[in-house]
PDB file of N, CA and C in Angstrom:
ATOM      1  N   MET A   1       4.143   8.325  11.331  1.00  0.00           N
ATOM      2  CA  MET A   1       5.349   8.655  10.045  1.00  0.00           C
ATOM      3  C   MET A   1       4.716  10.140   9.614  1.00  0.00           C
ATOM      4  N   ASN A   2       5.846  10.993   9.037  1.00  0.00           N
ATOM      5  CA  ASN A   2       5.329  12.166   8.739  1.00  0.00           C
ATOM      6  C   ASN A   2       4.747  12.273   7.511  1.00  0.00           C
ATOM      7  N   LEU A   3       3.778  12.475   7.401  1.00  0.00           N
ATOM      8  CA  LEU A   3       3.393  12.261   5.616  1.00  0.00           C
ATOM      9  C   LEU A   3       4.312  13.640   4.731  1.00  0.00           C
ATOM     10  N   ASP A   4       4.568  14.738   5.536  1.00  0.00           N
ATOM     11  CA  ASP A   4       5.386  15.852   4.860  1.00  0.00           C
ATOM     12  C   ASP A   4       7.060  15.588   4.601  1.00  0.00           C
ATOM     13  N   ARG A   5       7.287  14.421   4.965  1.00  0.00           N
ATOM     14  CA  ARG A   5       8.864  14.397   5.097  1.00  0.00           C
ATOM     15  C   ARG A   5       9.324  14.698   4.058  1.00  0.00           C
ATOM     16  N   THR A   6      10.487  15.587   3.672  1.00  0.00           N
ATOM     17  CA  THR A   6      11.120  15.531   2.873  1.00  0.00           C
ATOM     18  C   THR A   6      12.049  14.649   2.198  1.00  0.00           C
ATOM     19  N   LEU A   7      12.146  14.226   0.993  1.00  0.00           N
ATOM     20  CA  LEU A   7      12.758  13.508   0.206  1.00  0.00           C
ATOM     21  C   LEU A   7      13.015  13.685  -0.858  1.00  0.00           C
ATOM     22  N   ASP A   8      14.102  13.047  -1.575  1.00  0.00           N
ATOM     23  CA  ASP A   8      14.398  13.270  -3.291  1.00  0.00           C
ATOM     24  C   ASP A   8      14.099  11.890  -3.964  1.00  0.00           C
ATOM     25  N   VAL A   9      13.126  11.964  -4.719  1.00  0.00           N
ATOM     26  CA  VAL A   9      13.001  10.938  -5.915  1.00  0.00           C
ATOM     27  C   VAL A   9      13.186  11.277  -7.165  1.00  0.00           C
ATOM     28  N   ASP A  10      13.844  10.584  -8.171  1.00  0.00           N
ATOM     29  CA  ASP A  10      13.781  11.117  -9.250  1.00  0.00           C
ATOM     30  C   ASP A  10      13.131  10.375 -10.062  1.00  0.00           C
ATOM     31  N   GLN A  11      12.759   9.032 -10.299  1.00  0.00           N
ATOM     32  CA  GLN A  11      11.874   8.267 -10.518  1.00  0.00           C
ATOM     33  C   GLN A  11      11.018   7.071  -9.597  1.00  0.00           C
ATOM     34  N   ILE A  12       9.981   6.801 -10.266  1.00  0.00           N
ATOM     35  CA  ILE A  12       9.239   5.772  -9.955  1.00  0.00           C
ATOM     36  C   ILE A  12       9.282   4.219 -10.647  1.00  0.00           C
ATOM     37  N   GLN A  13       9.391   3.429 -10.239  1.00  0.00           N
ATOM     38  CA  GLN A  13       9.575   2.099 -10.960  1.00  0.00           C
ATOM     39  C   GLN A  13       8.590   1.368 -10.580  1.00  0.00           C
ATOM     40  N   LEU A  14       7.514   0.559 -11.423  1.00  0.00           N
ATOM     41  CA  LEU A  14       6.800  -0.292 -10.975  1.00  0.00           C
ATOM     42  C   LEU A  14       7.343  -1.691 -11.544  1.00  0.00           C
ATOM     43  N   VAL A  15       7.450  -2.568 -10.541  1.00  0.00           N
ATOM     44  CA  VAL A  15       8.215  -3.777 -11.049  1.00  0.00           C
ATOM     45  C   VAL A  15       7.238  -5.234 -10.378  1.00  0.00           C
ATOM     46  N   ASN A  16       7.209  -6.025 -11.088  1.00  0.00           N
ATOM     47  CA  ASN A  16       6.510  -7.339 -10.749  1.00  0.00           C
ATOM     48  C   ASN A  16       7.576  -8.159  -9.838  1.00  0.00           C
ATOM     49  N   VAL A  17       6.846  -9.196  -9.190  1.00  0.00           N
ATOM     50  CA  VAL A  17       7.974  -9.922  -8.077  1.00  0.00           C
ATOM     51  C   VAL A  17       8.894 -10.806  -8.904  1.00  0.00           C
ATOM     52  N   GLU A  18       8.693 -10.924 -10.357  1.00  0.00           N
ATOM     53  CA  GLU A  18       9.965 -11.502 -10.734  1.00  0.00           C
ATOM     54  C   GLU A  18      10.889 -10.635 -10.921  1.00  0.00           C
ATOM     55  N   GLY A  19      10.735  -8.922 -10.753  1.00  0.00           N
ATOM     56  CA  GLY A  19      11.558  -8.053 -10.934  1.00  0.00           C
ATOM     57  C   GLY A  19      11.858  -7.618 -12.293  1.00  0.00           C
ATOM     58  N   TYR A  20      10.658  -7.840 -12.962  1.00  0.00           N
ATOM     59  CA  TYR A  20      10.722  -7.287 -14.257  1.00  0.00           C
ATOM     60  C   TYR A  20      10.087  -5.797 -14.092  1.00  0.00           C
ATOM     61  N   VAL A  21      10.723  -4.876 -14.725  1.00  0.00           N
ATOM     62  CA  VAL A  21      10.259  -3.520 -14.933  1.00  0.00           C
ATOM     63  C   VAL A  21       8.848  -3.301 -15.756  1.00  0.00           C
ATOM     64  N   LEU A  22       7.863  -2.612 -15.188  1.00  0.00           N
ATOM     65  CA  LEU A  22       6.684  -2.721 -15.669  1.00  0.00           C
ATOM     66  C   LEU A  22       6.463  -1.389 -16.470  1.00  0.00           C
ATOM     67  N   SER A  23       6.979  -0.350 -15.436  1.00  0.00           N
ATOM     68  CA  SER A  23       6.869   1.044 -15.814  1.00  0.00           C
ATOM     69  C   SER A  23       7.824   2.238 -15.282  1.00  0.00           C
ATOM     70  N   GLY A  24       8.231   2.882 -15.885  1.00  0.00           N
ATOM     71  CA  GLY A  24       9.301   3.812 -15.260  1.00  0.00           C
ATOM     72  C   GLY A  24       9.087   5.200 -15.482  1.00  0.00           C
ATOM     73  N   ILE A  25       8.671   6.339 -14.566  1.00  0.00           N
ATOM     74  CA  ILE A  25       8.448   7.494 -15.150  1.00  0.00           C
ATOM     75  C   ILE A  25       9.292   8.264 -14.331  1.00  0.00           C
ATOM     76  N   ASP A  26       9.886   9.219 -14.888  1.00  0.00           N
ATOM     77  CA  ASP A  26      10.662  10.348 -14.285  1.00  0.00           C
ATOM     78  C   ASP A  26       9.809  11.056 -13.334  1.00  0.00           C
ATOM     79  N   VAL A  27      10.025  11.483 -12.270  1.00  0.00           N
ATOM     80  CA  VAL A  27       9.597  12.678 -11.595  1.00  0.00           C
ATOM     81  C   VAL A  27      10.640  13.507 -10.880  1.00  0.00           C
ATOM     82  N   ASP A  28      10.202  14.665 -10.203  1.00  0.00           N
ATOM     83  CA  ASP A  28      10.906  15.468  -9.475  1.00  0.00           C
ATOM     84  C   ASP A  28      10.479  15.636  -8.040  1.00  0.00           C
ATOM     85  N   VAL A  29      10.641  14.779  -7.349  1.00  0.00           N
ATOM     86  CA  VAL A  29       9.409  14.992  -5.904  1.00  0.00           C
ATOM     87  C   VAL A  29      10.220  15.225  -4.659  1.00  0.00           C
ATOM     88  N   LYS A  30       9.728  16.050  -4.012  1.00  0.00           N
ATOM     89  CA  LYS A  30      10.334  16.496  -2.506  1.00  0.00           C
ATOM     90  C   LYS A  30       9.155  16.258  -1.739  1.00  0.00           C
ATOM     91  N   ASN A  31       8.459  15.745  -1.792  1.00  0.00           N
ATOM     92  CA  ASN A  31       7.334  15.511  -0.784  1.00  0.00           C
ATOM     93  C   ASN A  31       6.306  14.324  -0.541  1.00  0.00           C
ATOM     94  N   ASN A  32       6.149  13.672   0.326  1.00  0.00           N
ATOM     95  CA  ASN A  32       5.427  12.540   0.608  1.00  0.00           C
ATOM     96  C   ASN A  32       4.458  12.567  -0.002  1.00  0.00           C
ATOM     97  N   ASN A  33       3.351  13.532   0.266  1.00  0.00           N
ATOM     98  CA  ASN A  33       2.079  13.865  -0.404  1.00  0.00           C
ATOM     99  C   ASN A  33       2.128  13.685  -1.739  1.00  0.00           C
ATOM    100  N   VAL A  34       2.662  14.206  -2.365  1.00  0.00           N
ATOM    101  CA  VAL A  34       2.948  14.179  -4.076  1.00  0.00           C
ATOM    102  C   VAL A  34       3.436  12.915  -4.526  1.00  0.00           C
ATOM    103  N   LEU A  35       4.294  11.876  -3.983  1.00  0.00           N
ATOM    104  CA  LEU A  35       4.648  10.747  -4.482  1.00  0.00           C
ATOM    105  C   LEU A  35       3.786  10.131  -4.073  1.00  0.00           C
ATOM    106  N   ASN A  36       3.056   9.904  -3.211  1.00  0.00           N
ATOM    107  CA  ASN A  36       1.892   9.038  -3.136  1.00  0.00           C
ATOM    108  C   ASN A  36       0.849   9.098  -3.869  1.00  0.00           C
ATOM    109  N   GLY A  37       0.405  10.674  -4.483  1.00  0.00           N
ATOM    110  CA  GLY A  37      -0.327  10.773  -5.870  1.00  0.00           C
ATOM    111  C   GLY A  37       0.162  10.382  -7.072  1.00  0.00           C
ATOM    112  N   LEU A  38       1.286  10.585  -7.114  1.00  0.00           N
ATOM    113  CA  LEU A  38       2.087  10.160  -8.560  1.00  0.00           C
ATOM    114  C   LEU A  38       2.273   8.643  -8.481  1.00  0.00           C
ATOM    115  N   THR A  39       2.735   7.988  -7.484  1.00  0.00           N
ATOM    116  CA  THR A  39       2.439   6.364  -7.339  1.00  0.00           C
ATOM    117  C   THR A  39       1.150   5.948  -7.700  1.00  0.00           C
ATOM    118  N   VAL A  40       0.203   6.422  -6.867  1.00  0.00           N
ATOM    119  CA  VAL A  40      -1.398   6.063  -7.331  1.00  0.00           C
ATOM    120  C   VAL A  40      -1.800   6.207  -8.690  1.00  0.00           C
ATOM    121  N   GLN A  41      -1.463   7.143  -9.352  1.00  0.00           N
ATOM    122  CA  GLN A  41      -1.740   7.699 -10.886  1.00  0.00           C
ATOM    123  C   GLN A  41      -0.965   6.595 -11.488  1.00  0.00           C
ATOM    124  N   ALA A  42       0.455   6.099 -11.271  1.00  0.00           N
ATOM    125  CA  ALA A  42       1.382   5.226 -12.122  1.00  0.00           C
ATOM    126  C   ALA A  42       0.381   3.935 -12.195  1.00  0.00           C
ATOM    127  N   LEU A  43       0.111   3.286 -10.805  1.00  0.00           N
ATOM    128  CA  LEU A  43      -0.821   2.183 -10.753  1.00  0.00           C
ATOM    129  C   LEU A  43      -2.120   2.259 -11.514  1.00  0.00           C
ATOM    130  N   ASN A  44      -2.643   3.330 -11.728  1.00  0.00           N
ATOM    131  CA  ASN A  44      -3.948   3.585 -12.350  1.00  0.00           C
ATOM    132  C   ASN A  44      -3.571   3.484 -13.770  1.00  0.00           C
ATOM    133  N   GLU A  45      -2.670   3.832 -14.315  1.00  0.00           N
ATOM    134  CA  GLU A  45      -2.323   3.929 -15.664  1.00  0.00           C
ATOM    135  C   GLU A  45      -1.767   2.605 -16.231  1.00  0.00           C
ATOM    136  N   ASN A  46      -1.596   1.903 -15.254  1.00  0.00           N
ATOM    137  CA  ASN A  46      -1.201   0.581 -15.439  1.00  0.00           C
ATOM    138  C   ASN A  46      -2.161  -0.484 -15.456  1.00  0.00           C
ATOM    139  N   ASP A  47      -3.193  -0.481 -15.028  1.00  0.00           N
ATOM    140  CA  ASP A  47      -4.202  -1.132 -14.674  1.00  0.00           C
ATOM    141  C   ASP A  47      -3.993  -2.036 -13.536  1.00  0.00           C
ATOM    142  N   ILE A  48      -3.187  -1.533 -12.594  1.00  0.00           N
ATOM    143  CA  ILE A  48      -2.914  -2.234 -11.309  1.00  0.00           C
ATOM    144  C   ILE A  48      -3.419  -1.695 -10.099  1.00  0.00           C
ATOM    145  N   ASP A  49      -4.209  -2.495  -9.463  1.00  0.00           N
ATOM    146  CA  ASP A  49      -4.797  -2.058  -7.766  1.00  0.00           C
ATOM    147  C   ASP A  49      -3.917  -1.918  -7.069  1.00  0.00           C
ATOM    148  N   VAL A  50      -4.063  -1.171  -5.969  1.00  0.00           N
ATOM    149  CA  VAL A  50      -3.170  -0.831  -4.776  1.00  0.00           C
ATOM    150  C   VAL A  50      -2.752  -1.902  -4.414  1.00  0.00           C
ATOM    151  N   GLN A  51      -4.003  -2.754  -3.944  1.00  0.00           N
ATOM    152  CA  GLN A  51      -3.969  -3.866  -3.152  1.00  0.00           C
ATOM    153  C   GLN A  51      -2.897  -4.796  -3.630  1.00  0.00           C
ATOM    154  N   ASP A  52      -2.779  -4.684  -5.145  1.00  0.00           N
ATOM    155  CA  ASP A  52      -1.474  -5.897  -5.419  1.00  0.00           C
ATOM    156  C   ASP A  52      -0.056  -5.227  -5.109  1.00  0.00           C
ATOM    157  N   VAL A  53      -0.141  -4.315  -4.719  1.00  0.00           N
ATOM    158  CA  VAL A  53       1.450  -3.447  -4.146  1.00  0.00           C
ATOM    159  C   VAL A  53       1.840  -4.333  -3.016  1.00  0.00           C
ATOM    160  N   VAL A  54       3.000  -5.159  -3.265  1.00  0.00           N
ATOM    161  CA  VAL A  54       3.508  -6.003  -2.119  1.00  0.00           C
ATOM    162  C   VAL A  54       4.711  -5.524  -1.519  1.00  0.00           C
ATOM    163  N   ASP A  55       5.397  -4.451  -2.005  1.00  0.00           N
ATOM    164  CA  ASP A  55       6.572  -4.020  -1.400  1.00  0.00           C
ATOM    165  C   ASP A  55       6.671  -2.478  -1.824  1.00  0.00           C
ATOM    166  N   VAL A  56       7.561  -1.500  -1.087  1.00  0.00           N
ATOM    167  CA  VAL A  56       7.921  -0.481  -1.631  1.00  0.00           C
ATOM    168  C   VAL A  56       9.226   0.100  -0.995  1.00  0.00           C
ATOM    169  N   ASN A  57      10.036   0.414  -1.998  1.00  0.00           N
ATOM    170  CA  ASN A  57      11.259   1.135  -1.091  1.00  0.00           C
ATOM    171  C   ASN A  57      11.967   2.095  -1.931  1.00  0.00           C
ATOM    172  N   ILE A  58      12.756   2.796  -1.401  1.00  0.00           N
ATOM    173  CA  ILE A  58      13.680   3.598  -2.379  1.00  0.00           C
ATOM    174  C   ILE A  58      15.255   3.518  -2.183  1.00  0.00           C
ATOM    175  N   VAL A  59      15.398   3.119  -3.776  1.00  0.00           N
ATOM    176  CA  VAL A  59      16.898   2.782  -3.880  1.00  0.00           C
ATOM    177  C   VAL A  59      17.384   3.723  -4.787  1.00  0.00           C
ATOM    178  N   ASP A  60      18.549   4.597  -4.472  1.00  0.00           N
ATOM    179  CA  ASP A  60      19.166   5.463  -5.335  1.00  0.00           C
ATOM    180  C   ASP A  60      18.279   6.619  -5.889  1.00  0.00           C
ATOM    181  N   ASN A  61      17.741   7.056  -5.107  1.00  0.00           N
ATOM    182  CA  ASN A  61      16.657   8.270  -5.476  1.00  0.00           C
ATOM    183  C   ASN A  61      15.517   7.339  -6.430  1.00  0.00           C
ATOM    184  N   VAL A  62      15.190   6.291  -6.541  1.00  0.00           N
ATOM    185  CA  VAL A  62      14.289   5.400  -7.153  1.00  0.00           C
ATOM    186  C   VAL A  62      13.207   4.950  -6.313  1.00  0.00           C
ATOM    187  N   LEU A  63      11.889   5.348  -6.662  1.00  0.00           N
ATOM    188  CA  LEU A  63      10.777   4.823  -5.534  1.00  0.00           C
ATOM    189  C   LEU A  63      10.645   3.324  -6.314  1.00  0.00           C
ATOM    190  N   VAL A  64      10.717   1.795  -5.639  1.00  0.00           N
ATOM    191  CA  VAL A  64      10.543   0.711  -6.138  1.00  0.00           C
ATOM    192  C   VAL A  64       9.409   0.417  -5.772  1.00  0.00           C
ATOM    193  N   VAL A  65       8.333   0.056  -6.852  1.00  0.00           N
ATOM    194  CA  VAL A  65       7.106  -0.336  -5.979  1.00  0.00           C
ATOM    195  C   VAL A  65       6.929  -1.782  -6.908  1.00  0.00           C
ATOM    196  N   VAL A  66       6.867  -3.079  -5.885  1.00  0.00           N
ATOM    197  CA  VAL A  66       6.658  -3.973  -6.247  1.00  0.00           C
ATOM    198  C   VAL A  66       5.231  -4.567  -6.296  1.00  0.00           C
ATOM    199  N   VAL A  67       5.045  -5.015  -7.313  1.00  0.00           N
ATOM    200  CA  VAL A  67       3.343  -5.425  -7.429  1.00  0.00           C
ATOM    201  C   VAL A  67       3.082  -6.997  -7.805  1.00  0.00           C
ATOM    202  N   ASP A  68       2.314  -7.551  -7.517  1.00  0.00           N
ATOM    203  CA  ASP A  68       1.842  -9.167  -7.470  1.00  0.00           C
ATOM    204  C   ASP A  68       1.201  -8.818  -8.789  1.00  0.00           C
ATOM    205  N   ALA A  69       1.578  -8.414 -10.186  1.00  0.00           N
ATOM    206  CA  ALA A  69       0.901  -8.417 -11.349  1.00  0.00           C
ATOM    207  C   ALA A  69       1.565  -8.814 -12.658  1.00  0.00           C
ATOM    208  N   LEU A  70       1.207  -8.928 -13.513  1.00  0.00           N
ATOM    209  CA  LEU A  70       1.907  -9.578 -15.038  1.00  0.00           C
ATOM    210  C   LEU A  70       2.521  -8.323 -15.470  1.00  0.00           C
TER     211      LEU A  70
END
């Protein structure tokens, strides 16, 4: 996987396994490394461990991070 891959993400959403949106932050990201850092920051701000992430997808320029948390 190329970590410097170009992409276009406008928002990061943290979603629990039931589909409830825990957090959504607007971003303007064109680089995977920046996106990784912002995602970890969003998890930390919501007291969610990286180990609780169960799935990650990009849907319509939104990075959807599914977490096993309340």
